[in-house]
Amino acid sequence: MIKKTLLKFDTHNLVMSRQEHLTEQNKESFTSAERLSQQDKKIAVDLFFDPFETFTNQAGKQQVRRLCKDCKKNKIADQPYHVNFLKHVSTIDAWKEKLIESTSRDQGGHGPLDRTFRVVSEKAKTYHSWLEWTIMTDSPSTFVENEYNRKYAKIECISRTTYDKYKDLVHKVVESKIKNELPPTFFIYFDGWSCSGEHYLCMFATWTNSSGGVVIR
């Protein structure tokens, strides 16, 4: 179970890390425009809003007004790139994809947002899908070459050789994560069970943290 869980979350990172134009920063998954770099925040606001105009509110305070190109509503804030505008950007459907597409097109295929977002190729998605499908169903590597799986799969087919290649790479990533997480001293114990005539064995690592609590992995 541990291995399957780790594989499920690490396969995307492994395959995408092989794209040379990406950096370590790309591995962060953003859910809010507020977490963009300062440069990219301005790009995002300018992309989804019309140019700002200043006005004086009823309290005599000067503010800025910007019209959202998506919902066609005016948003008000104290500055042209205020967090209020970024919060609204995060509510726009597919805002990340639109942002990446726009900046990449303007920059000839590589924009400043390459530093922020993880660009997933179709090939990476295909490899991840087969790895996840095979591993999470406890299937052998021949699963990817089964004629019926290929017939009804909605993803591009891959060979067993390709599957084994990326499975082994993922295995190394998982081993590295486990090694980095384990403390110098820990306890190992096992749990075994059977299902439909198949026997399984799971290995756990456990140790005590600095506050005296028990950690199990």
C-alpha atoms as a PDB file:
ATOM      1  CA  MET A   1       0.000   0.000   0.000  1.00  0.00           C
ATOM      2  CA  ILE A   2       2.833   2.390   0.819  1.00  0.00           C
ATOM      3  CA  LYS A   3       4.493   1.777  -2.506  1.00  0.00           C
ATOM      4  CA  LYS A   4       1.242   2.186  -4.428  1.00  0.00           C
ATOM      5  CA  THR A   5       0.437   5.447  -2.657  1.00  0.00           C
ATOM      6  CA  LEU A   6       3.869   6.896  -3.296  1.00  0.00           C
ATOM      7  CA  LEU A   7       3.808   5.813  -6.912  1.00  0.00           C
ATOM      8  CA  LYS A   8       0.456   7.450  -7.425  1.00  0.00           C
ATOM      9  CA  PHE A   9       1.736  10.857  -6.382  1.00  0.00           C
ATOM     10  CA  ASP A  10       5.270  10.716  -7.764  1.00  0.00           C
ATOM     11  CA  THR A  11       4.821   9.508 -11.321  1.00  0.00           C
ATOM     12  CA  HIS A  12       3.882  12.931 -12.678  1.00  0.00           C
ATOM     13  CA  ASN A  13       6.933  14.563 -11.118  1.00  0.00           C
ATOM     14  CA  LEU A  14       9.264  11.883 -12.450  1.00  0.00           C
ATOM     15  CA  VAL A  15       8.134  12.010 -16.052  1.00  0.00           C
ATOM     16  CA  MET A  16       7.936  15.785 -16.188  1.00  0.00           C
ATOM     17  CA  SER A  17      11.359  16.302 -14.609  1.00  0.00           C
ATOM     18  CA  ARG A  18      12.799  14.848 -17.808  1.00  0.00           C
ATOM     19  CA  GLN A  19      11.659  17.889 -19.784  1.00  0.00           C
ATOM     20  CA  GLU A  20      14.800  19.986 -20.044  1.00  0.00           C
ATOM     21  CA  HIS A  21      13.159  23.411 -20.185  1.00  0.00           C
ATOM     22  CA  LEU A  22      11.554  22.965 -16.757  1.00  0.00           C
ATOM     23  CA  THR A  23      13.211  23.843 -13.448  1.00  0.00           C
ATOM     24  CA  GLU A  24      12.818  22.677  -9.863  1.00  0.00           C
ATOM     25  CA  GLN A  25      10.394  25.534  -9.258  1.00  0.00           C
ATOM     26  CA  ASN A  26       7.984  24.020 -11.780  1.00  0.00           C
ATOM     27  CA  LYS A  27       7.184  21.156  -9.394  1.00  0.00           C
ATOM     28  CA  GLU A  28       5.030  23.424  -7.237  1.00  0.00           C
ATOM     29  CA  SER A  29       1.333  23.017  -7.984  1.00  0.00           C
ATOM     30  CA  PHE A  30      -0.468  26.363  -7.789  1.00  0.00           C
ATOM     31  CA  THR A  31      -4.121  26.707  -6.837  1.00  0.00           C
ATOM     32  CA  SER A  32      -4.160  30.485  -6.426  1.00  0.00           C
ATOM     33  CA  ALA A  33      -2.856  33.408  -8.472  1.00  0.00           C
ATOM     34  CA  GLU A  34      -1.721  34.968  -5.194  1.00  0.00           C
ATOM     35  CA  ARG A  35       1.168  32.486  -5.106  1.00  0.00           C
ATOM     36  CA  LEU A  36       2.671  33.604  -8.407  1.00  0.00           C
ATOM     37  CA  SER A  37       5.953  35.504  -8.541  1.00  0.00           C
ATOM     38  CA  GLN A  38       5.683  39.302  -8.528  1.00  0.00           C
ATOM     39  CA  GLN A  39       6.412  39.480 -12.249  1.00  0.00           C
ATOM     40  CA  ASP A  40       3.826  36.825 -13.094  1.00  0.00           C
ATOM     41  CA  LYS A  41       1.188  38.438 -10.880  1.00  0.00           C
ATOM     42  CA  LYS A  42       1.318  41.513 -13.072  1.00  0.00           C
ATOM     43  CA  ILE A  43       1.137  39.385 -16.209  1.00  0.00           C
ATOM     44  CA  ALA A  44      -1.949  37.584 -14.867  1.00  0.00           C
ATOM     45  CA  VAL A  45      -3.798  40.749 -13.858  1.00  0.00           C
ATOM     46  CA  ASP A  46      -3.047  42.498 -17.161  1.00  0.00           C
ATOM     47  CA  LEU A  47      -4.188  39.430 -19.094  1.00  0.00           C
ATOM     48  CA  PHE A  48      -7.587  39.055 -17.421  1.00  0.00           C
ATOM     49  CA  PHE A  49      -8.385  42.727 -16.741  1.00  0.00           C
ATOM     50  CA  ASP A  50      -8.700  45.839 -18.889  1.00  0.00           C
ATOM     51  CA  PRO A  51      -6.286  48.733 -18.171  1.00  0.00           C
ATOM     52  CA  PHE A  52      -7.020  50.337 -14.823  1.00  0.00           C
ATOM     53  CA  GLU A  53      -8.535  53.740 -14.206  1.00  0.00           C
ATOM     54  CA  THR A  54      -8.229  55.773 -11.033  1.00  0.00           C
ATOM     55  CA  PHE A  55     -11.123  57.421  -9.206  1.00  0.00           C
ATOM     56  CA  THR A  56     -11.927  58.968  -5.840  1.00  0.00           C
ATOM     57  CA  ASN A  57     -14.445  57.086  -3.721  1.00  0.00           C
ATOM     58  CA  GLN A  58     -17.112  58.624  -1.458  1.00  0.00           C
ATOM     59  CA  ALA A  59     -14.665  58.727   1.447  1.00  0.00           C
ATOM     60  CA  GLY A  60     -12.247  60.811  -0.591  1.00  0.00           C
ATOM     61  CA  LYS A  61      -9.761  57.967  -1.040  1.00  0.00           C
ATOM     62  CA  GLN A  62      -8.143  57.380  -4.407  1.00  0.00           C
ATOM     63  CA  GLN A  63      -8.646  53.844  -5.762  1.00  0.00           C
ATOM     64  CA  VAL A  64      -8.363  51.938  -9.038  1.00  0.00           C
ATOM     65  CA  ARG A  65     -11.053  50.190 -11.044  1.00  0.00           C
ATOM     66  CA  ARG A  66     -10.432  47.362 -13.520  1.00  0.00           C
ATOM     67  CA  LEU A  67     -12.943  45.540 -15.722  1.00  0.00           C
ATOM     68  CA  CYS A  68     -12.650  41.745 -15.796  1.00  0.00           C
ATOM     69  CA  LYS A  69     -12.564  40.487 -19.390  1.00  0.00           C
ATOM     70  CA  ASP A  70     -14.129  37.195 -18.319  1.00  0.00           C
ATOM     71  CA  CYS A  71     -17.168  38.159 -16.218  1.00  0.00           C
ATOM     72  CA  LYS A  72     -17.412  41.763 -17.484  1.00  0.00           C
ATOM     73  CA  LYS A  73     -17.642  43.138 -13.943  1.00  0.00           C
ATOM     74  CA  ASN A  74     -15.627  45.958 -12.407  1.00  0.00           C
ATOM     75  CA  LYS A  75     -13.358  45.139  -9.491  1.00  0.00           C
ATOM     76  CA  ILE A  76     -12.007  47.807  -7.168  1.00  0.00           C
ATOM     77  CA  ALA A  77      -8.797  47.915  -5.153  1.00  0.00           C
ATOM     78  CA  ASP A  78      -6.213  50.341  -3.805  1.00  0.00           C
ATOM     79  CA  GLN A  79      -3.516  49.525  -6.361  1.00  0.00           C
ATOM     80  CA  PRO A  80      -3.438  48.321 -10.010  1.00  0.00           C
ATOM     81  CA  TYR A  81      -2.100  44.871  -9.009  1.00  0.00           C
ATOM     82  CA  HIS A  82      -3.787  44.505  -5.641  1.00  0.00           C
ATOM     83  CA  VAL A  83      -4.488  41.073  -4.168  1.00  0.00           C
ATOM     84  CA  ASN A  84      -8.204  41.586  -4.820  1.00  0.00           C
ATOM     85  CA  PHE A  85      -7.553  41.296  -8.552  1.00  0.00           C
ATOM     86  CA  LEU A  86      -5.455  38.160  -8.053  1.00  0.00           C
ATOM     87  CA  LYS A  87      -8.182  36.522  -5.966  1.00  0.00           C
ATOM     88  CA  HIS A  88     -10.627  37.144  -8.773  1.00  0.00           C
ATOM     89  CA  VAL A  89      -8.225  35.695 -11.345  1.00  0.00           C
ATOM     90  CA  SER A  90      -8.204  32.440  -9.340  1.00  0.00           C
ATOM     91  CA  THR A  91     -11.978  32.116  -9.815  1.00  0.00           C
ATOM     92  CA  ILE A  92     -11.796  32.230 -13.629  1.00  0.00           C
ATOM     93  CA  ASP A  93     -12.231  28.863 -15.345  1.00  0.00           C
ATOM     94  CA  ALA A  94      -8.939  27.359 -16.574  1.00  0.00           C
ATOM     95  CA  TRP A  95      -7.064  30.527 -15.625  1.00  0.00           C
ATOM     96  CA  LYS A  96      -3.733  28.721 -15.342  1.00  0.00           C
ATOM     97  CA  GLU A  97      -4.021  27.118 -18.768  1.00  0.00           C
ATOM     98  CA  LYS A  98      -5.045  30.413 -20.372  1.00  0.00           C
ATOM     99  CA  LEU A  99      -2.172  32.191 -18.680  1.00  0.00           C
ATOM    100  CA  ILE A 100       0.399  29.648 -19.827  1.00  0.00           C
ATOM    101  CA  GLU A 101      -0.973  29.602 -23.359  1.00  0.00           C
ATOM    102  CA  SER A 102      -0.934  33.377 -23.648  1.00  0.00           C
ATOM    103  CA  THR A 103       2.589  33.943 -22.324  1.00  0.00           C
ATOM    104  CA  SER A 104       4.047  31.006 -24.240  1.00  0.00           C
ATOM    105  CA  ARG A 105       2.528  32.284 -27.481  1.00  0.00           C
ATOM    106  CA  ASP A 106       3.878  35.790 -26.896  1.00  0.00           C
ATOM    107  CA  GLN A 107       7.340  34.471 -26.040  1.00  0.00           C
ATOM    108  CA  GLY A 108       7.654  32.071 -28.970  1.00  0.00           C
ATOM    109  CA  GLY A 109       6.752  28.955 -27.012  1.00  0.00           C
ATOM    110  CA  HIS A 110       8.496  29.706 -23.704  1.00  0.00           C
ATOM    111  CA  GLY A 111       7.171  32.387 -21.406  1.00  0.00           C
ATOM    112  CA  PRO A 112       8.040  33.581 -17.902  1.00  0.00           C
ATOM    113  CA  LEU A 113       5.331  31.348 -16.458  1.00  0.00           C
ATOM    114  CA  ASP A 114       7.510  28.333 -17.283  1.00  0.00           C
ATOM    115  CA  ARG A 115       9.177  29.189 -13.974  1.00  0.00           C
ATOM    116  CA  THR A 116       5.896  28.807 -12.124  1.00  0.00           C
ATOM    117  CA  PHE A 117       3.794  26.080 -13.664  1.00  0.00           C
ATOM    118  CA  ARG A 118       4.329  22.450 -14.403  1.00  0.00           C
ATOM    119  CA  VAL A 119       3.842  21.971 -18.143  1.00  0.00           C
ATOM    120  CA  VAL A 120       2.618  18.429 -18.706  1.00  0.00           C
ATOM    121  CA  SER A 121       3.182  16.964 -22.167  1.00  0.00           C
ATOM    122  CA  GLU A 122       0.728  14.531 -23.726  1.00  0.00           C
ATOM    123  CA  LYS A 123       3.429  11.857 -23.616  1.00  0.00           C
ATOM    124  CA  ALA A 124       3.883  12.377 -19.867  1.00  0.00           C
ATOM    125  CA  LYS A 125       0.121  12.094 -19.322  1.00  0.00           C
ATOM    126  CA  THR A 126       0.052   8.841 -21.302  1.00  0.00           C
ATOM    127  CA  TYR A 127       2.931   7.288 -19.347  1.00  0.00           C
ATOM    128  CA  HIS A 128       1.405   8.354 -16.042  1.00  0.00           C
ATOM    129  CA  SER A 129      -2.002   6.953 -16.974  1.00  0.00           C
ATOM    130  CA  TRP A 130      -0.613   3.515 -17.832  1.00  0.00           C
ATOM    131  CA  LEU A 131       1.589   3.444 -14.731  1.00  0.00           C
ATOM    132  CA  GLU A 132      -1.267   4.447 -12.471  1.00  0.00           C
ATOM    133  CA  TRP A 133      -3.742   2.038 -14.084  1.00  0.00           C
ATOM    134  CA  THR A 134      -1.378  -0.916 -13.947  1.00  0.00           C
ATOM    135  CA  ILE A 135       0.030  -0.314 -10.463  1.00  0.00           C
ATOM    136  CA  MET A 136      -3.228   0.629  -8.746  1.00  0.00           C
ATOM    137  CA  THR A 137      -4.936  -2.522 -10.083  1.00  0.00           C
ATOM    138  CA  ASP A 138      -2.037  -4.763  -8.966  1.00  0.00           C
ATOM    139  CA  SER A 139      -1.502  -5.845 -12.569  1.00  0.00           C
ATOM    140  CA  PRO A 140       1.694  -7.233 -14.153  1.00  0.00           C
ATOM    141  CA  SER A 141       3.667  -5.245 -16.728  1.00  0.00           C
ATOM    142  CA  THR A 142       2.061  -7.314 -19.506  1.00  0.00           C
ATOM    143  CA  PHE A 143      -1.140  -5.406 -18.680  1.00  0.00           C
ATOM    144  CA  VAL A 144      -0.104  -2.596 -21.043  1.00  0.00           C
ATOM    145  CA  GLU A 145       0.138  -4.990 -24.008  1.00  0.00           C
ATOM    146  CA  ASN A 146      -3.101  -6.861 -23.367  1.00  0.00           C
ATOM    147  CA  GLU A 147      -5.125  -6.639 -26.583  1.00  0.00           C
ATOM    148  CA  TYR A 148      -8.397  -5.893 -24.805  1.00  0.00           C
ATOM    149  CA  ASN A 149      -6.905  -3.187 -22.603  1.00  0.00           C
ATOM    150  CA  ARG A 150      -5.475  -1.573 -25.707  1.00  0.00           C
ATOM    151  CA  LYS A 151      -8.750  -1.964 -27.568  1.00  0.00           C
ATOM    152  CA  TYR A 152     -10.869  -0.187 -24.986  1.00  0.00           C
ATOM    153  CA  ALA A 153      -8.330   2.237 -23.508  1.00  0.00           C
ATOM    154  CA  LYS A 154      -8.911   5.891 -24.317  1.00  0.00           C
ATOM    155  CA  ILE A 155      -5.194   6.625 -24.071  1.00  0.00           C
ATOM    156  CA  GLU A 156      -2.390   5.996 -26.537  1.00  0.00           C
ATOM    157  CA  CYS A 157      -0.823   2.532 -26.236  1.00  0.00           C
ATOM    158  CA  ILE A 158       2.707   1.982 -24.943  1.00  0.00           C
ATOM    159  CA  SER A 159       4.991  -1.042 -24.996  1.00  0.00           C
ATOM    160  CA  ARG A 160       5.952  -3.192 -22.037  1.00  0.00           C
ATOM    161  CA  THR A 161       9.544  -2.003 -22.469  1.00  0.00           C
ATOM    162  CA  THR A 162       8.486   1.630 -22.105  1.00  0.00           C
ATOM    163  CA  TYR A 163       6.336   0.781 -19.105  1.00  0.00           C
ATOM    164  CA  ASP A 164       9.170  -1.082 -17.364  1.00  0.00           C
ATOM    165  CA  LYS A 165      11.565   1.798 -18.040  1.00  0.00           C
ATOM    166  CA  TYR A 166       9.426   4.391 -16.288  1.00  0.00           C
ATOM    167  CA  LYS A 167       8.294   2.004 -13.578  1.00  0.00           C
ATOM    168  CA  ASP A 168      11.944   1.456 -12.630  1.00  0.00           C
ATOM    169  CA  LEU A 169      12.581   5.203 -12.644  1.00  0.00           C
ATOM    170  CA  VAL A 170       9.594   5.764 -10.370  1.00  0.00           C
ATOM    171  CA  HIS A 171      10.873   3.000  -8.088  1.00  0.00           C
ATOM    172  CA  LYS A 172      14.141   4.906  -7.658  1.00  0.00           C
ATOM    173  CA  VAL A 173      12.263   8.096  -6.823  1.00  0.00           C
ATOM    174  CA  VAL A 174      10.196   6.272  -4.198  1.00  0.00           C
ATOM    175  CA  GLU A 175      13.308   4.720  -2.661  1.00  0.00           C
ATOM    176  CA  SER A 176      14.941   8.138  -2.470  1.00  0.00           C
ATOM    177  CA  LYS A 177      11.888   9.661  -0.770  1.00  0.00           C
ATOM    178  CA  ILE A 178      11.779   6.875   1.797  1.00  0.00           C
ATOM    179  CA  LYS A 179      15.509   7.194   2.471  1.00  0.00           C
ATOM    180  CA  ASN A 180      15.273  10.958   2.983  1.00  0.00           C
ATOM    181  CA  GLU A 181      12.310  10.661   5.316  1.00  0.00           C
ATOM    182  CA  LEU A 182      13.596   7.937   7.609  1.00  0.00           C
ATOM    183  CA  PRO A 183      15.544   8.996  10.734  1.00  0.00           C
ATOM    184  CA  PRO A 184      18.915   7.386  11.622  1.00  0.00           C
ATOM    185  CA  THR A 185      17.162   4.902  13.940  1.00  0.00           C
ATOM    186  CA  PHE A 186      13.785   3.282  13.315  1.00  0.00           C
ATOM    187  CA  PHE A 187      11.882   0.046  13.850  1.00  0.00           C
ATOM    188  CA  ILE A 188      10.684  -2.278  11.081  1.00  0.00           C
ATOM    189  CA  TYR A 189       7.623  -4.516  11.338  1.00  0.00           C
ATOM    190  CA  PHE A 190       5.612  -6.555   8.856  1.00  0.00           C
ATOM    191  CA  ASP A 191       1.966  -7.259   8.148  1.00  0.00           C
ATOM    192  CA  GLY A 192       0.804 -10.147   5.966  1.00  0.00           C
ATOM    193  CA  TRP A 193      -2.558 -11.147   4.525  1.00  0.00           C
ATOM    194  CA  SER A 194      -4.102 -13.121   1.698  1.00  0.00           C
ATOM    195  CA  CYS A 195      -6.824 -12.338  -0.844  1.00  0.00           C
ATOM    196  CA  SER A 196      -8.306 -14.719  -3.427  1.00  0.00           C
ATOM    197  CA  GLY A 197      -5.438 -17.106  -2.975  1.00  0.00           C
ATOM    198  CA  GLU A 198      -2.753 -14.423  -3.332  1.00  0.00           C
ATOM    199  CA  HIS A 199      -0.429 -13.658  -0.431  1.00  0.00           C
ATOM    200  CA  TYR A 200       0.745 -10.127   0.386  1.00  0.00           C
ATOM    201  CA  LEU A 201       3.397  -8.752   2.706  1.00  0.00           C
ATOM    202  CA  CYS A 202       3.704  -5.111   3.740  1.00  0.00           C
ATOM    203  CA  MET A 203       6.672  -3.555   5.543  1.00  0.00           C
ATOM    204  CA  PHE A 204       6.305  -0.577   7.884  1.00  0.00           C
ATOM    205  CA  ALA A 205       8.846   1.757   9.447  1.00  0.00           C
ATOM    206  CA  THR A 206       8.045   3.409  12.757  1.00  0.00           C
ATOM    207  CA  TRP A 207       9.887   5.785  15.076  1.00  0.00           C
ATOM    208  CA  THR A 208       9.316   8.381  17.795  1.00  0.00           C
ATOM    209  CA  ASN A 209       9.436  12.046  16.865  1.00  0.00           C
ATOM    210  CA  SER A 210      10.875  14.919  18.916  1.00  0.00           C
ATOM    211  CA  SER A 211       7.583  15.475  20.777  1.00  0.00           C
ATOM    212  CA  GLY A 212       7.277  11.827  21.776  1.00  0.00           C
ATOM    213  CA  GLY A 213       4.643  10.904  19.221  1.00  0.00           C
ATOM    214  CA  VAL A 214       4.769   7.700  17.173  1.00  0.00           C
ATOM    215  CA  VAL A 215       5.290   8.030  13.429  1.00  0.00           C
ATOM    216  CA  ILE A 216       4.398   5.129  11.098  1.00  0.00           C
ATOM    217  CA  ARG A 217       5.291   4.933   7.414  1.00  0.00           C
END
